[in-house]
Amino acid sequence: MNKEVSKQKEIPKILKFYSLSGLISIQRISVGLANDNFLVKTKQGEYVLKFINAYRNEIFKNDLAIQRKLKELGIRSPVYIRNLSGDYIYRKGKYRVVVSKKVRGVRPRKVSIKLAYSIGRVLAQFHLGITDLPNSIQGWMNVNSDDSKTAKILRKADLPIGITHGDMHEGNIHVLDKKKDKVYAIFDFEEAGEDLLVVDLARSILAVCVEEQGTKIDERLMESEIKGYQSIRLLEENEKIHFGKAFTHAVDKCIKWFSENDFERYIENHKLRLKSFRSPFE
């Protein structure tokens, strides 16, 4: 039995754990590299089941804290539900599963100039609004975990540090059909942690501001995302000076992750995006 079939067979037990009944359908959600997600329709509504492949308790507690803070800020995101005993997590054998009500909207098929602006804006809101976490964790792109020449330069540059999203791309947002150019909700905070804010912006641009073929950075999209970001939080002059290095560091960290997690098929496109990149501040 393959892993996906095994997980689907577990879903009725998971629903029972949360006192959800009347299973109608199960659909694999094809977004996300680190976790397996399923959209489950029941008579009580639609829910997203996330199988956490690399569960860490401290990250989960940070995830919950971010959900609560975003709600205070008026930014929509999934909210994990609890069972009658107050438990958030379904645990059985190797499985760790969390459940949230389906958030309205859909993943955008294409990033427009206006949507890039909106993504930049909501990322800046995240940076200014999420100022601390229950557990201190370095972001996965943190320059302190890397000995490359670029990371060393960024470490010495005295750049602003804060809580970063770590994975702000179009696969982690929803838009509404009638408002396709505006972020409706944001997702996936498992990569959130302390990091350079400019690296988080660069990482988002690396993923979002790409031409249709996926091999080049679209300068119009990049300029729009940066403009949206700066409508909420102005970049410091030092961040502008080191923006190119921040982008290079983001590419290096992505390629390293792809290599270590059997996603080599994405490496060449990221190398080509770096080759095409020109900092808008130079």
C-alpha atoms as a PDB file:
ATOM      1  CA  MET A   1       0.000   0.000   0.000  1.00  0.00           C
ATOM      2  CA  ASN A   2       1.504   3.372  -1.000  1.00  0.00           C
ATOM      3  CA  LYS A   3       1.712   6.274   1.455  1.00  0.00           C
ATOM      4  CA  GLU A   4      -1.141   8.281  -0.038  1.00  0.00           C
ATOM      5  CA  VAL A   5      -3.583   5.355   0.024  1.00  0.00           C
ATOM      6  CA  SER A   6      -2.555   4.587   3.602  1.00  0.00           C
ATOM      7  CA  LYS A   7      -3.239   8.172   4.661  1.00  0.00           C
ATOM      8  CA  GLN A   8      -6.606   8.251   2.923  1.00  0.00           C
ATOM      9  CA  LYS A   9      -7.607   5.081   4.780  1.00  0.00           C
ATOM     10  CA  GLU A  10      -6.745   6.849   8.043  1.00  0.00           C
ATOM     11  CA  ILE A  11      -8.996   9.843   7.308  1.00  0.00           C
ATOM     12  CA  PRO A  12     -12.298   8.373   8.679  1.00  0.00           C
ATOM     13  CA  LYS A  13     -10.537   7.752  12.008  1.00  0.00           C
ATOM     14  CA  ILE A  14      -9.182  11.291  11.999  1.00  0.00           C
ATOM     15  CA  LEU A  15     -12.641  12.733  11.378  1.00  0.00           C
ATOM     16  CA  LYS A  16     -14.047  10.683  14.252  1.00  0.00           C
ATOM     17  CA  PHE A  17     -11.292  12.044  16.522  1.00  0.00           C
ATOM     18  CA  TYR A  18     -12.617  15.565  15.833  1.00  0.00           C
ATOM     19  CA  SER A  19     -16.285  14.470  16.032  1.00  0.00           C
ATOM     20  CA  LEU A  20     -16.769  15.105  12.327  1.00  0.00           C
ATOM     21  CA  SER A  21     -19.100  12.772  10.472  1.00  0.00           C
ATOM     22  CA  GLY A  22     -20.788  12.250   7.127  1.00  0.00           C
ATOM     23  CA  LEU A  23     -17.728  11.832   4.888  1.00  0.00           C
ATOM     24  CA  ILE A  24     -18.613  12.717   1.307  1.00  0.00           C
ATOM     25  CA  SER A  25     -15.313  13.033  -0.567  1.00  0.00           C
ATOM     26  CA  ILE A  26     -11.534  13.218  -0.225  1.00  0.00           C
ATOM     27  CA  GLN A  27      -9.292  15.241  -2.535  1.00  0.00           C
ATOM     28  CA  ARG A  28      -5.519  15.418  -2.428  1.00  0.00           C
ATOM     29  CA  ILE A  29      -4.325  19.024  -2.482  1.00  0.00           C
ATOM     30  CA  SER A  30      -1.313  19.231  -4.756  1.00  0.00           C
ATOM     31  CA  VAL A  31       0.293  22.214  -2.996  1.00  0.00           C
ATOM     32  CA  GLY A  32       3.199  21.913  -0.585  1.00  0.00           C
ATOM     33  CA  LEU A  33       6.465  19.987  -0.607  1.00  0.00           C
ATOM     34  CA  ALA A  34       6.934  19.335   3.097  1.00  0.00           C
ATOM     35  CA  ASN A  35       3.447  18.105   4.082  1.00  0.00           C
ATOM     36  CA  ASP A  36       0.572  16.078   2.619  1.00  0.00           C
ATOM     37  CA  ASN A  37      -2.756  17.895   2.537  1.00  0.00           C
ATOM     38  CA  PHE A  38      -6.247  16.619   1.818  1.00  0.00           C
ATOM     39  CA  LEU A  39      -9.487  18.528   1.282  1.00  0.00           C
ATOM     40  CA  VAL A  40     -12.254  16.535   2.936  1.00  0.00           C
ATOM     41  CA  LYS A  41     -15.924  17.267   2.344  1.00  0.00           C
ATOM     42  CA  THR A  42     -18.345  16.180   5.075  1.00  0.00           C
ATOM     43  CA  LYS A  43     -21.971  16.838   5.895  1.00  0.00           C
ATOM     44  CA  GLN A  44     -20.677  19.324   8.472  1.00  0.00           C
ATOM     45  CA  GLY A  45     -18.616  21.277   5.965  1.00  0.00           C
ATOM     46  CA  GLU A  46     -15.241  21.190   4.212  1.00  0.00           C
ATOM     47  CA  TYR A  47     -11.990  20.699   6.099  1.00  0.00           C
ATOM     48  CA  VAL A  48      -8.289  20.569   5.279  1.00  0.00           C
ATOM     49  CA  LEU A  49      -6.329  17.712   6.861  1.00  0.00           C
ATOM     50  CA  LYS A  50      -2.595  18.315   7.061  1.00  0.00           C
ATOM     51  CA  PHE A  51      -0.325  15.318   7.634  1.00  0.00           C
ATOM     52  CA  ILE A  52       2.776  16.873   9.211  1.00  0.00           C
ATOM     53  CA  ASN A  53       5.699  14.866   7.889  1.00  0.00           C
ATOM     54  CA  ALA A  54       8.310  16.440  10.175  1.00  0.00           C
ATOM     55  CA  TYR A  55       6.446  17.325  13.372  1.00  0.00           C
ATOM     56  CA  ARG A  56       8.153  19.503  15.990  1.00  0.00           C
ATOM     57  CA  ASN A  57       6.178  20.652  19.025  1.00  0.00           C
ATOM     58  CA  GLU A  58       7.899  24.033  19.275  1.00  0.00           C
ATOM     59  CA  ILE A  59       7.047  24.813  15.634  1.00  0.00           C
ATOM     60  CA  PHE A  60       3.431  23.781  16.168  1.00  0.00           C
ATOM     61  CA  LYS A  61       3.092  26.129  19.157  1.00  0.00           C
ATOM     62  CA  ASN A  62       4.549  28.964  17.076  1.00  0.00           C
ATOM     63  CA  ASP A  63       2.081  28.096  14.306  1.00  0.00           C
ATOM     64  CA  LEU A  64      -0.843  28.466  16.726  1.00  0.00           C
ATOM     65  CA  ALA A  65       0.503  31.782  18.025  1.00  0.00           C
ATOM     66  CA  ILE A  66       0.821  33.150  14.483  1.00  0.00           C
ATOM     67  CA  GLN A  67      -2.747  32.121  13.666  1.00  0.00           C
ATOM     68  CA  ARG A  68      -4.034  34.018  16.708  1.00  0.00           C
ATOM     69  CA  LYS A  69      -1.976  37.126  15.971  1.00  0.00           C
ATOM     70  CA  LEU A  70      -3.012  37.227  12.317  1.00  0.00           C
ATOM     71  CA  LYS A  71      -6.638  37.119  13.411  1.00  0.00           C
ATOM     72  CA  GLU A  72      -5.993  40.176  15.597  1.00  0.00           C
ATOM     73  CA  LEU A  73      -4.390  41.906  12.615  1.00  0.00           C
ATOM     74  CA  GLY A  74      -7.352  41.120  10.369  1.00  0.00           C
ATOM     75  CA  ILE A  75      -5.346  38.792   8.123  1.00  0.00           C
ATOM     76  CA  ARG A  76      -7.171  35.567   7.265  1.00  0.00           C
ATOM     77  CA  SER A  77      -5.467  32.204   7.705  1.00  0.00           C
ATOM     78  CA  PRO A  78      -6.445  28.624   8.555  1.00  0.00           C
ATOM     79  CA  VAL A  79      -7.260  28.017  12.225  1.00  0.00           C
ATOM     80  CA  TYR A  80      -6.668  24.551  13.668  1.00  0.00           C
ATOM     81  CA  ILE A  81      -9.673  23.007  15.374  1.00  0.00           C
ATOM     82  CA  ARG A  82      -9.660  20.991  18.608  1.00  0.00           C
ATOM     83  CA  ASN A  83     -11.503  17.828  19.534  1.00  0.00           C
ATOM     84  CA  LEU A  84     -13.848  17.524  22.520  1.00  0.00           C
ATOM     85  CA  SER A  85     -10.877  16.885  24.821  1.00  0.00           C
ATOM     86  CA  GLY A  86      -9.165  20.066  23.668  1.00  0.00           C
ATOM     87  CA  ASP A  87      -6.501  18.316  21.562  1.00  0.00           C
ATOM     88  CA  TYR A  88      -5.322  19.953  18.353  1.00  0.00           C
ATOM     89  CA  ILE A  89      -3.267  17.048  17.009  1.00  0.00           C
ATOM     90  CA  TYR A  90      -4.336  13.567  15.927  1.00  0.00           C
ATOM     91  CA  ARG A  91      -1.536  11.167  16.816  1.00  0.00           C
ATOM     92  CA  LYS A  92      -1.331   7.556  15.738  1.00  0.00           C
ATOM     93  CA  GLY A  93       1.883   5.699  15.004  1.00  0.00           C
ATOM     94  CA  LYS A  94       3.899   7.827  12.596  1.00  0.00           C
ATOM     95  CA  TYR A  95       0.967  10.126  11.817  1.00  0.00           C
ATOM     96  CA  ARG A  96       0.628  13.665  13.136  1.00  0.00           C
ATOM     97  CA  VAL A  97      -2.402  15.425  11.679  1.00  0.00           C
ATOM     98  CA  VAL A  98      -4.012  18.829  12.202  1.00  0.00           C
ATOM     99  CA  VAL A  99      -7.374  19.925  10.844  1.00  0.00           C
ATOM    100  CA  SER A 100      -8.765  23.328   9.900  1.00  0.00           C
ATOM    101  CA  LYS A 101     -11.930  24.523   8.237  1.00  0.00           C
ATOM    102  CA  LYS A 102     -11.467  25.189   4.539  1.00  0.00           C
ATOM    103  CA  VAL A 103     -10.648  28.828   3.930  1.00  0.00           C
ATOM    104  CA  ARG A 104     -12.545  30.550   1.147  1.00  0.00           C
ATOM    105  CA  GLY A 105     -10.844  31.205  -2.146  1.00  0.00           C
ATOM    106  CA  VAL A 106      -8.433  29.435  -4.465  1.00  0.00           C
ATOM    107  CA  ARG A 107      -4.756  29.363  -5.245  1.00  0.00           C
ATOM    108  CA  PRO A 108      -4.075  31.930  -8.008  1.00  0.00           C
ATOM    109  CA  ARG A 109      -3.260  30.468 -11.400  1.00  0.00           C
ATOM    110  CA  LYS A 110      -1.158  33.444 -12.381  1.00  0.00           C
ATOM    111  CA  VAL A 111       0.513  36.299 -10.526  1.00  0.00           C
ATOM    112  CA  SER A 112      -0.527  39.673 -11.918  1.00  0.00           C
ATOM    113  CA  ILE A 113       1.152  43.016 -11.272  1.00  0.00           C
ATOM    114  CA  LYS A 114      -1.578  43.876  -8.757  1.00  0.00           C
ATOM    115  CA  LEU A 115      -1.366  40.511  -7.017  1.00  0.00           C
ATOM    116  CA  ALA A 116       2.422  40.823  -6.664  1.00  0.00           C
ATOM    117  CA  TYR A 117       1.793  44.185  -4.996  1.00  0.00           C
ATOM    118  CA  SER A 118      -0.735  42.596  -2.638  1.00  0.00           C
ATOM    119  CA  ILE A 119       1.667  39.757  -1.747  1.00  0.00           C
ATOM    120  CA  GLY A 120       4.394  42.268  -0.908  1.00  0.00           C
ATOM    121  CA  ARG A 121       1.965  44.259   1.196  1.00  0.00           C
ATOM    122  CA  VAL A 122       0.756  41.288   3.263  1.00  0.00           C
ATOM    123  CA  LEU A 123       4.338  40.085   3.784  1.00  0.00           C
ATOM    124  CA  ALA A 124       5.235  43.475   5.252  1.00  0.00           C
ATOM    125  CA  GLN A 125       2.139  43.318   7.478  1.00  0.00           C
ATOM    126  CA  PHE A 126       3.376  39.934   8.691  1.00  0.00           C
ATOM    127  CA  HIS A 127       6.843  41.350   9.413  1.00  0.00           C
ATOM    128  CA  LEU A 128       5.509  44.298  11.402  1.00  0.00           C
ATOM    129  CA  GLY A 129       2.650  42.438  13.088  1.00  0.00           C
ATOM    130  CA  ILE A 130       4.348  39.211  14.215  1.00  0.00           C
ATOM    131  CA  THR A 131       7.038  40.447  16.579  1.00  0.00           C
ATOM    132  CA  ASP A 132       7.641  37.444  18.829  1.00  0.00           C
ATOM    133  CA  LEU A 133       6.964  33.711  19.086  1.00  0.00           C
ATOM    134  CA  PRO A 134       6.537  31.324  22.047  1.00  0.00           C
ATOM    135  CA  ASN A 135       9.645  29.438  20.936  1.00  0.00           C
ATOM    136  CA  SER A 136      12.726  31.109  19.536  1.00  0.00           C
ATOM    137  CA  ILE A 137      13.539  29.400  16.244  1.00  0.00           C
ATOM    138  CA  GLN A 138      15.809  30.556  13.449  1.00  0.00           C
ATOM    139  CA  GLY A 139      14.239  30.722  10.017  1.00  0.00           C
ATOM    140  CA  TRP A 140      15.368  28.076   7.553  1.00  0.00           C
ATOM    141  CA  MET A 141      17.211  30.742   5.536  1.00  0.00           C
ATOM    142  CA  ASN A 142      18.933  32.241   8.547  1.00  0.00           C
ATOM    143  CA  VAL A 143      22.398  33.472   7.631  1.00  0.00           C
ATOM    144  CA  ASN A 144      23.810  32.218  10.937  1.00  0.00           C
ATOM    145  CA  SER A 145      23.381  28.636   9.743  1.00  0.00           C
ATOM    146  CA  ASP A 146      25.458  29.099   6.616  1.00  0.00           C
ATOM    147  CA  ASP A 147      29.194  29.587   6.048  1.00  0.00           C
ATOM    148  CA  SER A 148      28.984  30.839   2.479  1.00  0.00           C
ATOM    149  CA  LYS A 149      30.658  34.080   1.455  1.00  0.00           C
ATOM    150  CA  THR A 150      27.255  35.667   0.835  1.00  0.00           C
ATOM    151  CA  ALA A 151      25.947  34.686   4.270  1.00  0.00           C
ATOM    152  CA  LYS A 152      29.048  36.110   5.942  1.00  0.00           C
ATOM    153  CA  ILE A 153      28.535  39.441   4.164  1.00  0.00           C
ATOM    154  CA  LEU A 154      24.892  39.556   5.233  1.00  0.00           C
ATOM    155  CA  ARG A 155      25.801  38.714   8.834  1.00  0.00           C
ATOM    156  CA  LYS A 156      28.149  41.693   9.000  1.00  0.00           C
ATOM    157  CA  ALA A 157      25.733  44.111   7.348  1.00  0.00           C
ATOM    158  CA  ASP A 158      23.647  44.983  10.457  1.00  0.00           C
ATOM    159  CA  LEU A 159      20.335  44.319   8.716  1.00  0.00           C
ATOM    160  CA  PRO A 160      16.901  44.315  10.451  1.00  0.00           C
ATOM    161  CA  ILE A 161      15.909  40.989  11.983  1.00  0.00           C
ATOM    162  CA  GLY A 162      12.367  39.890  12.753  1.00  0.00           C
ATOM    163  CA  ILE A 163       9.881  37.036  12.482  1.00  0.00           C
ATOM    164  CA  THR A 164       9.733  35.899   8.870  1.00  0.00           C
ATOM    165  CA  HIS A 165       7.172  33.803   7.041  1.00  0.00           C
ATOM    166  CA  GLY A 166       9.851  31.847   5.201  1.00  0.00           C
ATOM    167  CA  ASP A 167       7.707  30.611   2.339  1.00  0.00           C
ATOM    168  CA  MET A 168       5.505  33.417   1.002  1.00  0.00           C
ATOM    169  CA  HIS A 169       4.604  32.370  -2.531  1.00  0.00           C
ATOM    170  CA  GLU A 170       1.420  32.018  -4.562  1.00  0.00           C
ATOM    171  CA  GLY A 171       0.941  28.427  -3.378  1.00  0.00           C
ATOM    172  CA  ASN A 172       0.545  29.714   0.171  1.00  0.00           C
ATOM    173  CA  ILE A 173      -2.147  32.300  -0.505  1.00  0.00           C
ATOM    174  CA  HIS A 174      -5.775  32.306  -1.580  1.00  0.00           C
ATOM    175  CA  VAL A 175      -7.607  34.820  -3.734  1.00  0.00           C
ATOM    176  CA  LEU A 176     -11.320  35.144  -4.454  1.00  0.00           C
ATOM    177  CA  ASP A 177     -12.739  34.590  -7.936  1.00  0.00           C
ATOM    178  CA  LYS A 178     -14.009  38.167  -8.131  1.00  0.00           C
ATOM    179  CA  LYS A 179     -10.871  39.647  -6.569  1.00  0.00           C
ATOM    180  CA  LYS A 180      -8.056  37.683  -8.190  1.00  0.00           C
ATOM    181  CA  ASP A 181      -5.571  40.527  -7.746  1.00  0.00           C
ATOM    182  CA  LYS A 182      -5.767  40.687  -3.946  1.00  0.00           C
ATOM    183  CA  VAL A 183      -4.568  38.262  -1.270  1.00  0.00           C
ATOM    184  CA  TYR A 184      -7.572  36.924   0.643  1.00  0.00           C
ATOM    185  CA  ALA A 185      -5.770  34.558   3.044  1.00  0.00           C
ATOM    186  CA  ILE A 186      -2.261  33.275   3.766  1.00  0.00           C
ATOM    187  CA  PHE A 187      -1.083  29.806   4.779  1.00  0.00           C
ATOM    188  CA  ASP A 188       1.733  27.626   6.103  1.00  0.00           C
ATOM    189  CA  PHE A 189       3.785  29.086   8.938  1.00  0.00           C
ATOM    190  CA  GLU A 190       5.959  26.061   9.658  1.00  0.00           C
ATOM    191  CA  GLU A 191       8.994  27.823   8.194  1.00  0.00           C
ATOM    192  CA  ALA A 192       8.445  30.962  10.280  1.00  0.00           C
ATOM    193  CA  GLY A 193      11.304  32.043  12.504  1.00  0.00           C
ATOM    194  CA  GLU A 194      13.854  34.731  13.281  1.00  0.00           C
ATOM    195  CA  ASP A 195      15.655  35.899  10.190  1.00  0.00           C
ATOM    196  CA  LEU A 196      16.690  38.906   8.121  1.00  0.00           C
ATOM    197  CA  LEU A 197      13.521  40.571   6.848  1.00  0.00           C
ATOM    198  CA  VAL A 198      15.107  41.408   3.501  1.00  0.00           C
ATOM    199  CA  VAL A 199      15.978  37.736   2.922  1.00  0.00           C
ATOM    200  CA  ASP A 200      12.316  36.830   3.456  1.00  0.00           C
ATOM    201  CA  LEU A 201      11.274  39.410   0.863  1.00  0.00           C
ATOM    202  CA  ALA A 202      13.932  38.160  -1.557  1.00  0.00           C
ATOM    203  CA  ARG A 203      12.793  34.560  -1.067  1.00  0.00           C
ATOM    204  CA  SER A 204       9.217  35.578  -1.876  1.00  0.00           C
ATOM    205  CA  ILE A 205      10.307  37.400  -5.020  1.00  0.00           C
ATOM    206  CA  LEU A 206      12.319  34.353  -6.084  1.00  0.00           C
ATOM    207  CA  ALA A 207       9.124  32.290  -6.044  1.00  0.00           C
ATOM    208  CA  VAL A 208       6.459  34.831  -7.027  1.00  0.00           C
ATOM    209  CA  CYS A 209       8.023  37.196  -9.546  1.00  0.00           C
ATOM    210  CA  VAL A 210       8.784  34.725 -12.305  1.00  0.00           C
ATOM    211  CA  GLU A 211       8.043  34.764 -16.023  1.00  0.00           C
ATOM    212  CA  GLU A 212       5.701  32.098 -17.387  1.00  0.00           C
ATOM    213  CA  GLN A 213       8.462  29.647 -18.307  1.00  0.00           C
ATOM    214  CA  GLY A 214       9.746  29.713 -14.723  1.00  0.00           C
ATOM    215  CA  THR A 215      13.341  30.448 -15.687  1.00  0.00           C
ATOM    216  CA  LYS A 216      13.558  34.240 -15.394  1.00  0.00           C
ATOM    217  CA  ILE A 217      12.683  36.883 -12.834  1.00  0.00           C
ATOM    218  CA  ASP A 218       9.968  39.214 -14.130  1.00  0.00           C
ATOM    219  CA  GLU A 219      11.227  42.688 -13.271  1.00  0.00           C
ATOM    220  CA  ARG A 220       7.738  44.236 -13.435  1.00  0.00           C
ATOM    221  CA  LEU A 221       6.410  41.752 -10.905  1.00  0.00           C
ATOM    222  CA  MET A 222       9.456  42.241  -8.682  1.00  0.00           C
ATOM    223  CA  GLU A 223       9.096  46.013  -8.714  1.00  0.00           C
ATOM    224  CA  SER A 224       5.406  45.693  -7.893  1.00  0.00           C
ATOM    225  CA  GLU A 225       5.972  43.311  -4.971  1.00  0.00           C
ATOM    226  CA  ILE A 226       8.656  45.599  -3.545  1.00  0.00           C
ATOM    227  CA  LYS A 227       6.358  48.590  -3.983  1.00  0.00           C
ATOM    228  CA  GLY A 228       3.573  46.739  -2.149  1.00  0.00           C
ATOM    229  CA  TYR A 229       5.986  45.798   0.624  1.00  0.00           C
ATOM    230  CA  GLN A 230       7.199  49.371   1.015  1.00  0.00           C
ATOM    231  CA  SER A 231       3.624  50.672   1.200  1.00  0.00           C
ATOM    232  CA  ILE A 232       3.641  49.100   4.689  1.00  0.00           C
ATOM    233  CA  ARG A 233       7.301  48.895   5.681  1.00  0.00           C
ATOM    234  CA  LEU A 234      10.022  50.987   4.073  1.00  0.00           C
ATOM    235  CA  LEU A 235      13.233  49.135   3.372  1.00  0.00           C
ATOM    236  CA  GLU A 236      16.261  50.609   5.084  1.00  0.00           C
ATOM    237  CA  GLU A 237      19.037  51.894   2.878  1.00  0.00           C
ATOM    238  CA  ASN A 238      21.309  49.078   4.016  1.00  0.00           C
ATOM    239  CA  GLU A 239      18.677  46.521   2.967  1.00  0.00           C
ATOM    240  CA  LYS A 240      18.550  48.040  -0.505  1.00  0.00           C
ATOM    241  CA  ILE A 241      22.345  47.935  -0.763  1.00  0.00           C
ATOM    242  CA  HIS A 242      22.406  44.242   0.173  1.00  0.00           C
ATOM    243  CA  PHE A 243      19.272  43.200  -1.703  1.00  0.00           C
ATOM    244  CA  GLY A 244      21.252  41.373  -4.386  1.00  0.00           C
ATOM    245  CA  LYS A 245      23.149  39.391  -1.758  1.00  0.00           C
ATOM    246  CA  ALA A 246      19.869  38.575   0.005  1.00  0.00           C
ATOM    247  CA  PHE A 247      18.459  37.198  -3.253  1.00  0.00           C
ATOM    248  CA  THR A 248      21.581  35.110  -3.907  1.00  0.00           C
ATOM    249  CA  HIS A 249      21.384  33.715  -0.376  1.00  0.00           C
ATOM    250  CA  ALA A 250      17.707  32.790  -0.895  1.00  0.00           C
ATOM    251  CA  VAL A 251      18.564  30.919  -4.086  1.00  0.00           C
ATOM    252  CA  ASP A 252      21.452  29.079  -2.413  1.00  0.00           C
ATOM    253  CA  LYS A 253      19.269  27.962   0.492  1.00  0.00           C
ATOM    254  CA  CYS A 254      16.486  26.768  -1.820  1.00  0.00           C
ATOM    255  CA  ILE A 255      18.909  24.769  -3.941  1.00  0.00           C
ATOM    256  CA  LYS A 256      20.403  23.203  -0.824  1.00  0.00           C
ATOM    257  CA  TRP A 257      16.934  22.208   0.401  1.00  0.00           C
ATOM    258  CA  PHE A 258      16.004  20.758  -2.994  1.00  0.00           C
ATOM    259  CA  SER A 259      19.209  18.715  -3.038  1.00  0.00           C
ATOM    260  CA  GLU A 260      18.671  17.343   0.451  1.00  0.00           C
ATOM    261  CA  ASN A 261      15.001  16.476  -0.046  1.00  0.00           C
ATOM    262  CA  ASP A 262      14.974  14.849  -3.498  1.00  0.00           C
ATOM    263  CA  PHE A 263      13.541  17.807  -5.417  1.00  0.00           C
ATOM    264  CA  GLU A 264      16.473  18.217  -7.811  1.00  0.00           C
ATOM    265  CA  ARG A 265      14.069  18.964 -10.671  1.00  0.00           C
ATOM    266  CA  TYR A 266      13.656  22.506  -9.335  1.00  0.00           C
ATOM    267  CA  ILE A 267      17.354  23.327  -9.107  1.00  0.00           C
ATOM    268  CA  GLU A 268      18.084  24.354 -12.701  1.00  0.00           C
ATOM    269  CA  ASN A 269      15.181  26.817 -12.855  1.00  0.00           C
ATOM    270  CA  HIS A 270      16.390  28.487  -9.668  1.00  0.00           C
ATOM    271  CA  LYS A 271      19.891  28.811 -11.065  1.00  0.00           C
ATOM    272  CA  LEU A 272      18.437  30.441 -14.174  1.00  0.00           C
ATOM    273  CA  ARG A 273      16.353  32.824 -12.074  1.00  0.00           C
ATOM    274  CA  LEU A 274      19.490  33.912 -10.248  1.00  0.00           C
ATOM    275  CA  LYS A 275      21.293  34.410 -13.549  1.00  0.00           C
ATOM    276  CA  SER A 276      18.473  36.651 -14.802  1.00  0.00           C
ATOM    277  CA  PHE A 277      18.178  38.670 -11.582  1.00  0.00           C
ATOM    278  CA  ARG A 278      19.130  42.328 -11.436  1.00  0.00           C
ATOM    279  CA  SER A 279      18.659  44.218  -8.199  1.00  0.00           C
ATOM    280  CA  PRO A 280      16.207  47.106  -8.662  1.00  0.00           C
ATOM    281  CA  PHE A 281      18.302  49.165  -6.237  1.00  0.00           C
ATOM    282  CA  GLU A 282      21.523  49.128  -8.264  1.00  0.00           C
END
